[in-house]
């Protein structure tokens, strides 16, 4: 199954074998060569993501909800 949802941002893992798409309410991990979905992380209101230099940690940024402001 390949990912076809719109993404607000894209990033590659440091070894360039995985592509992460960020958009909607999820971060999706794809195989960079085949674009096959490997993992989907459901994260409400996610707007951006960053990887650690070795690609072992994922940091996500979310829109604050009205209850948090």
PDB file of N, CA and C in Angstrom:
ATOM      1  N   UNK A   1       0.841  -1.175   0.000  1.00  0.00           N
ATOM      2  CA  UNK A   1       0.000   0.000   0.000  1.00  0.00           C
ATOM      3  C   UNK A   1       0.886   1.238   0.000  1.00  0.00           C
ATOM      4  N   UNK A   2       0.660   2.147  -0.894  1.00  0.00           N
ATOM      5  CA  UNK A   2       1.454   3.374  -0.923  1.00  0.00           C
ATOM      6  C   UNK A   2       0.651   4.515  -0.330  1.00  0.00           C
ATOM      7  N   UNK A   3       1.370   5.532   0.089  1.00  0.00           N
ATOM      8  CA  UNK A   3       0.752   6.692   0.741  1.00  0.00           C
ATOM      9  C   UNK A   3       0.347   7.703  -0.326  1.00  0.00           C
ATOM     10  N   UNK A   4      -0.890   8.177  -0.267  1.00  0.00           N
ATOM     11  CA  UNK A   4      -1.361   9.143  -1.246  1.00  0.00           C
ATOM     12  C   UNK A   4      -1.942  10.403  -0.601  1.00  0.00           C
ATOM     13  N   UNK A   5      -1.851  10.522   0.707  1.00  0.00           N
ATOM     14  CA  UNK A   5      -2.389  11.687   1.402  1.00  0.00           C
ATOM     15  C   UNK A   5      -1.480  12.893   1.204  1.00  0.00           C
ATOM     16  N   UNK A   6      -2.040  14.115   1.164  1.00  0.00           N
ATOM     17  CA  UNK A   6      -1.204  15.309   1.053  1.00  0.00           C
ATOM     18  C   UNK A   6      -0.327  15.479   2.290  1.00  0.00           C
ATOM     19  N   UNK A   7       0.866  16.001   2.083  1.00  0.00           N
ATOM     20  CA  UNK A   7       1.810  16.186   3.192  1.00  0.00           C
ATOM     21  C   UNK A   7       2.159  17.657   3.330  1.00  0.00           C
ATOM     22  N   UNK A   8       2.288  18.110   4.586  1.00  0.00           N
ATOM     23  CA  UNK A   8       2.713  19.489   4.820  1.00  0.00           C
ATOM     24  C   UNK A   8       4.229  19.593   4.854  1.00  0.00           C
ATOM     25  N   UNK A   9       4.918  18.469   5.133  1.00  0.00           N
ATOM     26  CA  UNK A   9       6.379  18.456   5.067  1.00  0.00           C
ATOM     27  C   UNK A   9       6.875  17.033   4.855  1.00  0.00           C
ATOM     28  N   UNK A  10       8.090  16.945   4.344  1.00  0.00           N
ATOM     29  CA  UNK A  10       8.742  15.671   4.068  1.00  0.00           C
ATOM     30  C   UNK A  10      10.139  15.708   4.643  1.00  0.00           C
ATOM     31  N   UNK A  11      10.629  14.571   5.116  1.00  0.00           N
ATOM     32  CA  UNK A  11      12.025  14.505   5.532  1.00  0.00           C
ATOM     33  C   UNK A  11      12.545  13.087   5.353  1.00  0.00           C
ATOM     34  N   UNK A  12      13.826  12.999   5.016  1.00  0.00           N
ATOM     35  CA  UNK A  12      14.499  11.715   4.852  1.00  0.00           C
ATOM     36  C   UNK A  12      15.260  11.375   6.125  1.00  0.00           C
ATOM     37  N   UNK A  13      15.381  10.076   6.395  1.00  0.00           N
ATOM     38  CA  UNK A  13      16.254   9.631   7.477  1.00  0.00           C
ATOM     39  C   UNK A  13      17.690   9.907   7.044  1.00  0.00           C
ATOM     40  N   UNK A  14      18.626  10.000   7.991  1.00  0.00           N
ATOM     41  CA  UNK A  14      20.014  10.311   7.631  1.00  0.00           C
ATOM     42  C   UNK A  14      20.632   9.336   6.618  1.00  0.00           C
ATOM     43  N   UNK A  15      20.225   8.082   6.636  1.00  0.00           N
ATOM     44  CA  UNK A  15      20.771   7.120   5.667  1.00  0.00           C
ATOM     45  C   UNK A  15      19.984   7.101   4.360  1.00  0.00           C
ATOM     46  N   UNK A  16      18.956   7.945   4.242  1.00  0.00           N
ATOM     47  CA  UNK A  16      18.146   8.131   3.037  1.00  0.00           C
ATOM     48  C   UNK A  16      17.363   6.885   2.626  1.00  0.00           C
ATOM     49  N   UNK A  17      17.136   5.954   3.539  1.00  0.00           N
ATOM     50  CA  UNK A  17      16.368   4.759   3.193  1.00  0.00           C
ATOM     51  C   UNK A  17      14.888   4.916   3.502  1.00  0.00           C
ATOM     52  N   UNK A  18      14.536   5.886   4.327  1.00  0.00           N
ATOM     53  CA  UNK A  18      13.151   6.112   4.718  1.00  0.00           C
ATOM     54  C   UNK A  18      12.766   7.561   4.459  1.00  0.00           C
ATOM     55  N   UNK A  19      11.501   7.748   4.092  1.00  0.00           N
ATOM     56  CA  UNK A  19      10.945   9.073   3.869  1.00  0.00           C
ATOM     57  C   UNK A  19       9.776   9.239   4.833  1.00  0.00           C
ATOM     58  N   UNK A  20       9.761  10.329   5.564  1.00  0.00           N
ATOM     59  CA  UNK A  20       8.670  10.612   6.485  1.00  0.00           C
ATOM     60  C   UNK A  20       7.815  11.721   5.909  1.00  0.00           C
ATOM     61  N   UNK A  21       6.514  11.507   5.886  1.00  0.00           N
ATOM     62  CA  UNK A  21       5.578  12.540   5.459  1.00  0.00           C
ATOM     63  C   UNK A  21       4.797  12.994   6.680  1.00  0.00           C
ATOM     64  N   UNK A  22       4.570  14.283   6.765  1.00  0.00           N
ATOM     65  CA  UNK A  22       3.852  14.868   7.893  1.00  0.00           C
ATOM     66  C   UNK A  22       2.643  15.596   7.339  1.00  0.00           C
ATOM     67  N   UNK A  23       1.483  15.272   7.846  1.00  0.00           N
ATOM     68  CA  UNK A  23       0.295  15.966   7.388  1.00  0.00           C
ATOM     69  C   UNK A  23      -0.968  15.394   7.972  1.00  0.00           C
ATOM     70  N   UNK A  24      -1.979  16.243   8.056  1.00  0.00           N
ATOM     71  CA  UNK A  24      -3.246  15.804   8.631  1.00  0.00           C
ATOM     72  C   UNK A  24      -3.068  15.493  10.097  1.00  0.00           C
ATOM     73  N   UNK A  25      -3.306  14.273  10.448  1.00  0.00           N
ATOM     74  CA  UNK A  25      -3.166  13.829  11.827  1.00  0.00           C
ATOM     75  C   UNK A  25      -2.220  12.648  11.930  1.00  0.00           C
ATOM     76  N   UNK A  26      -1.161  12.644  11.097  1.00  0.00           N
ATOM     77  CA  UNK A  26      -0.265  11.488  11.114  1.00  0.00           C
ATOM     78  C   UNK A  26       1.121  11.819  10.571  1.00  0.00           C
ATOM     79  N   UNK A  27       2.079  11.014  11.019  1.00  0.00           N
ATOM     80  CA  UNK A  27       3.408  10.952  10.411  1.00  0.00           C
ATOM     81  C   UNK A  27       3.490   9.561   9.793  1.00  0.00           C
ATOM     82  N   UNK A  28       3.797   9.507   8.514  1.00  0.00           N
ATOM     83  CA  UNK A  28       3.863   8.231   7.810  1.00  0.00           C
ATOM     84  C   UNK A  28       5.297   7.961   7.407  1.00  0.00           C
ATOM     85  N   UNK A  29       5.763   6.747   7.647  1.00  0.00           N
ATOM     86  CA  UNK A  29       7.118   6.339   7.279  1.00  0.00           C
ATOM     87  C   UNK A  29       7.014   5.469   6.030  1.00  0.00           C
ATOM     88  N   UNK A  30       7.742   5.882   4.993  1.00  0.00           N
ATOM     89  CA  UNK A  30       7.730   5.163   3.721  1.00  0.00           C
ATOM     90  C   UNK A  30       9.118   4.640   3.402  1.00  0.00           C
ATOM     91  N   UNK A  31       9.190   3.536   2.670  1.00  0.00           N
ATOM     92  CA  UNK A  31      10.451   3.090   2.103  1.00  0.00           C
ATOM     93  C   UNK A  31      10.782   4.074   0.982  1.00  0.00           C
ATOM     94  N   UNK A  32      11.944   4.675   1.014  1.00  0.00           N
ATOM     95  CA  UNK A  32      12.289   5.726   0.043  1.00  0.00           C
ATOM     96  C   UNK A  32      12.383   5.194  -1.383  1.00  0.00           C
ATOM     97  N   UNK A  33      12.794   3.969  -1.548  1.00  0.00           N
ATOM     98  CA  UNK A  33      12.957   3.410  -2.891  1.00  0.00           C
ATOM     99  C   UNK A  33      11.622   3.003  -3.514  1.00  0.00           C
ATOM    100  N   UNK A  34      10.752   2.398  -2.722  1.00  0.00           N
ATOM    101  CA  UNK A  34       9.509   1.859  -3.274  1.00  0.00           C
ATOM    102  C   UNK A  34       8.275   2.695  -2.951  1.00  0.00           C
ATOM    103  N   UNK A  35       8.395   3.617  -2.005  1.00  0.00           N
ATOM    104  CA  UNK A  35       7.287   4.448  -1.506  1.00  0.00           C
ATOM    105  C   UNK A  35       6.195   3.619  -0.829  1.00  0.00           C
ATOM    106  N   UNK A  36       6.526   2.430  -0.411  1.00  0.00           N
ATOM    107  CA  UNK A  36       5.579   1.600   0.325  1.00  0.00           C
ATOM    108  C   UNK A  36       5.514   2.057   1.776  1.00  0.00           C
ATOM    109  N   UNK A  37       4.301   2.117   2.316  1.00  0.00           N
ATOM    110  CA  UNK A  37       4.118   2.544   3.706  1.00  0.00           C
ATOM    111  C   UNK A  37       4.638   1.470   4.644  1.00  0.00           C
ATOM    112  N   UNK A  38       5.516   1.878   5.577  1.00  0.00           N
ATOM    113  CA  UNK A  38       6.071   0.970   6.564  1.00  0.00           C
ATOM    114  C   UNK A  38       5.425   1.156   7.928  1.00  0.00           C
ATOM    115  N   UNK A  39       5.056   2.389   8.237  1.00  0.00           N
ATOM    116  CA  UNK A  39       4.501   2.705   9.557  1.00  0.00           C
ATOM    117  C   UNK A  39       3.665   3.961   9.459  1.00  0.00           C
ATOM    118  N   UNK A  40       2.631   4.030  10.264  1.00  0.00           N
ATOM    119  CA  UNK A  40       1.819   5.255  10.374  1.00  0.00           C
ATOM    120  C   UNK A  40       1.658   5.563  11.852  1.00  0.00           C
ATOM    121  N   UNK A  41       2.015   6.776  12.230  1.00  0.00           N
ATOM    122  CA  UNK A  41       1.890   7.231  13.605  1.00  0.00           C
ATOM    123  C   UNK A  41       0.763   8.262  13.649  1.00  0.00           C
ATOM    124  N   UNK A  42      -0.324   7.926  14.282  1.00  0.00           N
ATOM    125  CA  UNK A  42      -1.453   8.849  14.390  1.00  0.00           C
ATOM    126  C   UNK A  42      -1.167   9.860  15.494  1.00  0.00           C
ATOM    127  N   UNK A  43      -0.964  11.114  15.079  1.00  0.00           N
ATOM    128  CA  UNK A  43      -0.622  12.199  15.999  1.00  0.00           C
ATOM    129  C   UNK A  43      -1.554  13.374  15.689  1.00  0.00           C
ATOM    130  N   UNK A  44      -2.521  13.647  16.543  1.00  0.00           N
ATOM    131  CA  UNK A  44      -3.482  14.725  16.269  1.00  0.00           C
ATOM    132  C   UNK A  44      -2.803  16.082  16.075  1.00  0.00           C
ATOM    133  N   UNK A  45      -3.241  16.797  15.058  1.00  0.00           N
ATOM    134  CA  UNK A  45      -2.811  18.169  14.769  1.00  0.00           C
ATOM    135  C   UNK A  45      -1.310  18.317  14.533  1.00  0.00           C
ATOM    136  N   UNK A  46      -0.640  17.276  14.050  1.00  0.00           N
ATOM    137  CA  UNK A  46       0.801  17.367  13.782  1.00  0.00           C
ATOM    138  C   UNK A  46       1.036  18.299  12.594  1.00  0.00           C
ATOM    139  N   UNK A  47       2.020  19.197  12.725  1.00  0.00           N
ATOM    140  CA  UNK A  47       2.302  20.149  11.651  1.00  0.00           C
ATOM    141  C   UNK A  47       3.741  20.061  11.143  1.00  0.00           C
ATOM    142  N   UNK A  48       4.636  19.473  11.926  1.00  0.00           N
ATOM    143  CA  UNK A  48       6.037  19.361  11.501  1.00  0.00           C
ATOM    144  C   UNK A  48       6.710  18.259  12.310  1.00  0.00           C
ATOM    145  N   UNK A  49       7.865  17.817  11.808  1.00  0.00           N
ATOM    146  CA  UNK A  49       8.633  16.786  12.502  1.00  0.00           C
ATOM    147  C   UNK A  49      10.115  16.997  12.223  1.00  0.00           C
ATOM    148  N   UNK A  50      10.932  16.450  13.100  1.00  0.00           N
ATOM    149  CA  UNK A  50      12.391  16.510  12.934  1.00  0.00           C
ATOM    150  C   UNK A  50      12.960  15.189  13.439  1.00  0.00           C
ATOM    151  N   UNK A  51      14.080  14.798  12.862  1.00  0.00           N
ATOM    152  CA  UNK A  51      14.778  13.579  13.283  1.00  0.00           C
ATOM    153  C   UNK A  51      16.091  13.949  13.946  1.00  0.00           C
ATOM    154  N   UNK A  52      16.510  13.123  14.899  1.00  0.00           N
ATOM    155  CA  UNK A  52      17.825  13.311  15.510  1.00  0.00           C
ATOM    156  C   UNK A  52      18.897  13.019  14.454  1.00  0.00           C
ATOM    157  N   UNK A  53      20.138  13.471  14.667  1.00  0.00           N
ATOM    158  CA  UNK A  53      21.188  13.288  13.661  1.00  0.00           C
ATOM    159  C   UNK A  53      21.406  11.830  13.233  1.00  0.00           C
ATOM    160  N   UNK A  54      21.211  10.888  14.125  1.00  0.00           N
ATOM    161  CA  UNK A  54      21.371   9.471  13.759  1.00  0.00           C
ATOM    162  C   UNK A  54      20.059   8.841  13.298  1.00  0.00           C
ATOM    163  N   UNK A  55      18.976   9.582  13.374  1.00  0.00           N
ATOM    164  CA  UNK A  55      17.690   9.076  12.939  1.00  0.00           C
ATOM    165  C   UNK A  55      17.018   8.149  13.931  1.00  0.00           C
ATOM    166  N   UNK A  56      17.452   8.183  15.186  1.00  0.00           N
ATOM    167  CA  UNK A  56      16.888   7.278  16.188  1.00  0.00           C
ATOM    168  C   UNK A  56      15.720   7.880  16.953  1.00  0.00           C
ATOM    169  N   UNK A  57      15.581   9.201  16.935  1.00  0.00           N
ATOM    170  CA  UNK A  57      14.500   9.862  17.648  1.00  0.00           C
ATOM    171  C   UNK A  57      13.713  10.742  16.691  1.00  0.00           C
ATOM    172  N   UNK A  58      12.405  10.780  16.904  1.00  0.00           N
ATOM    173  CA  UNK A  58      11.511  11.614  16.112  1.00  0.00           C
ATOM    174  C   UNK A  58      10.866  12.638  17.043  1.00  0.00           C
ATOM    175  N   UNK A  59      10.948  13.896  16.673  1.00  0.00           N
ATOM    176  CA  UNK A  59      10.328  14.981  17.420  1.00  0.00           C
ATOM    177  C   UNK A  59       9.193  15.522  16.563  1.00  0.00           C
ATOM    178  N   UNK A  60       8.015  15.665  17.139  1.00  0.00           N
ATOM    179  CA  UNK A  60       6.887  16.213  16.388  1.00  0.00           C
ATOM    180  C   UNK A  60       6.414  17.509  17.017  1.00  0.00           C
ATOM    181  N   UNK A  61       5.842  18.347  16.186  1.00  0.00           N
ATOM    182  CA  UNK A  61       5.284  19.628  16.612  1.00  0.00           C
ATOM    183  C   UNK A  61       3.800  19.603  16.279  1.00  0.00           C
ATOM    184  N   UNK A  62       2.978  20.013  17.234  1.00  0.00           N
ATOM    185  CA  UNK A  62       1.538  19.982  17.050  1.00  0.00           C
ATOM    186  C   UNK A  62       0.936  21.367  17.275  1.00  0.00           C
ATOM    187  N   UNK A  63      -0.170  21.624  16.587  1.00  0.00           N
ATOM    188  CA  UNK A  63      -0.920  22.856  16.849  1.00  0.00           C
ATOM    189  C   UNK A  63      -1.506  22.736  18.253  1.00  0.00           C
ATOM    190  N   UNK A  64      -1.417  23.780  19.056  1.00  0.00           N
ATOM    191  CA  UNK A  64      -2.035  23.702  20.393  1.00  0.00           C
ATOM    192  C   UNK A  64      -3.554  23.672  20.273  1.00  0.00           C
ATOM    193  N   UNK A  65      -4.162  22.925  21.136  1.00  0.00           N
ATOM    194  CA  UNK A  65      -5.628  22.907  21.154  1.00  0.00           C
ATOM    195  C   UNK A  65      -6.117  24.129  21.914  1.00  0.00           C
ATOM    196  N   UNK A  66      -7.369  24.430  21.789  1.00  0.00           N
ATOM    197  CA  UNK A  66      -7.923  25.604  22.479  1.00  0.00           C
ATOM    198  C   UNK A  66      -7.848  25.453  23.978  1.00  0.00           C
ATOM    199  N   UNK A  67      -7.850  24.212  24.473  1.00  0.00           N
ATOM    200  CA  UNK A  67      -7.758  23.974  25.905  1.00  0.00           C
ATOM    201  C   UNK A  67      -6.362  24.286  26.456  1.00  0.00           C
ATOM    202  N   UNK A  68      -5.331  24.251  25.607  1.00  0.00           N
ATOM    203  CA  UNK A  68      -3.943  24.451  26.041  1.00  0.00           C
ATOM    204  C   UNK A  68      -3.513  25.900  25.985  1.00  0.00           C
ATOM    205  N   UNK A  69      -4.280  26.783  25.361  1.00  0.00           N
ATOM    206  CA  UNK A  69      -3.828  28.167  25.202  1.00  0.00           C
ATOM    207  C   UNK A  69      -4.103  29.015  26.406  1.00  0.00           C
TER     208      UNK A  69
END
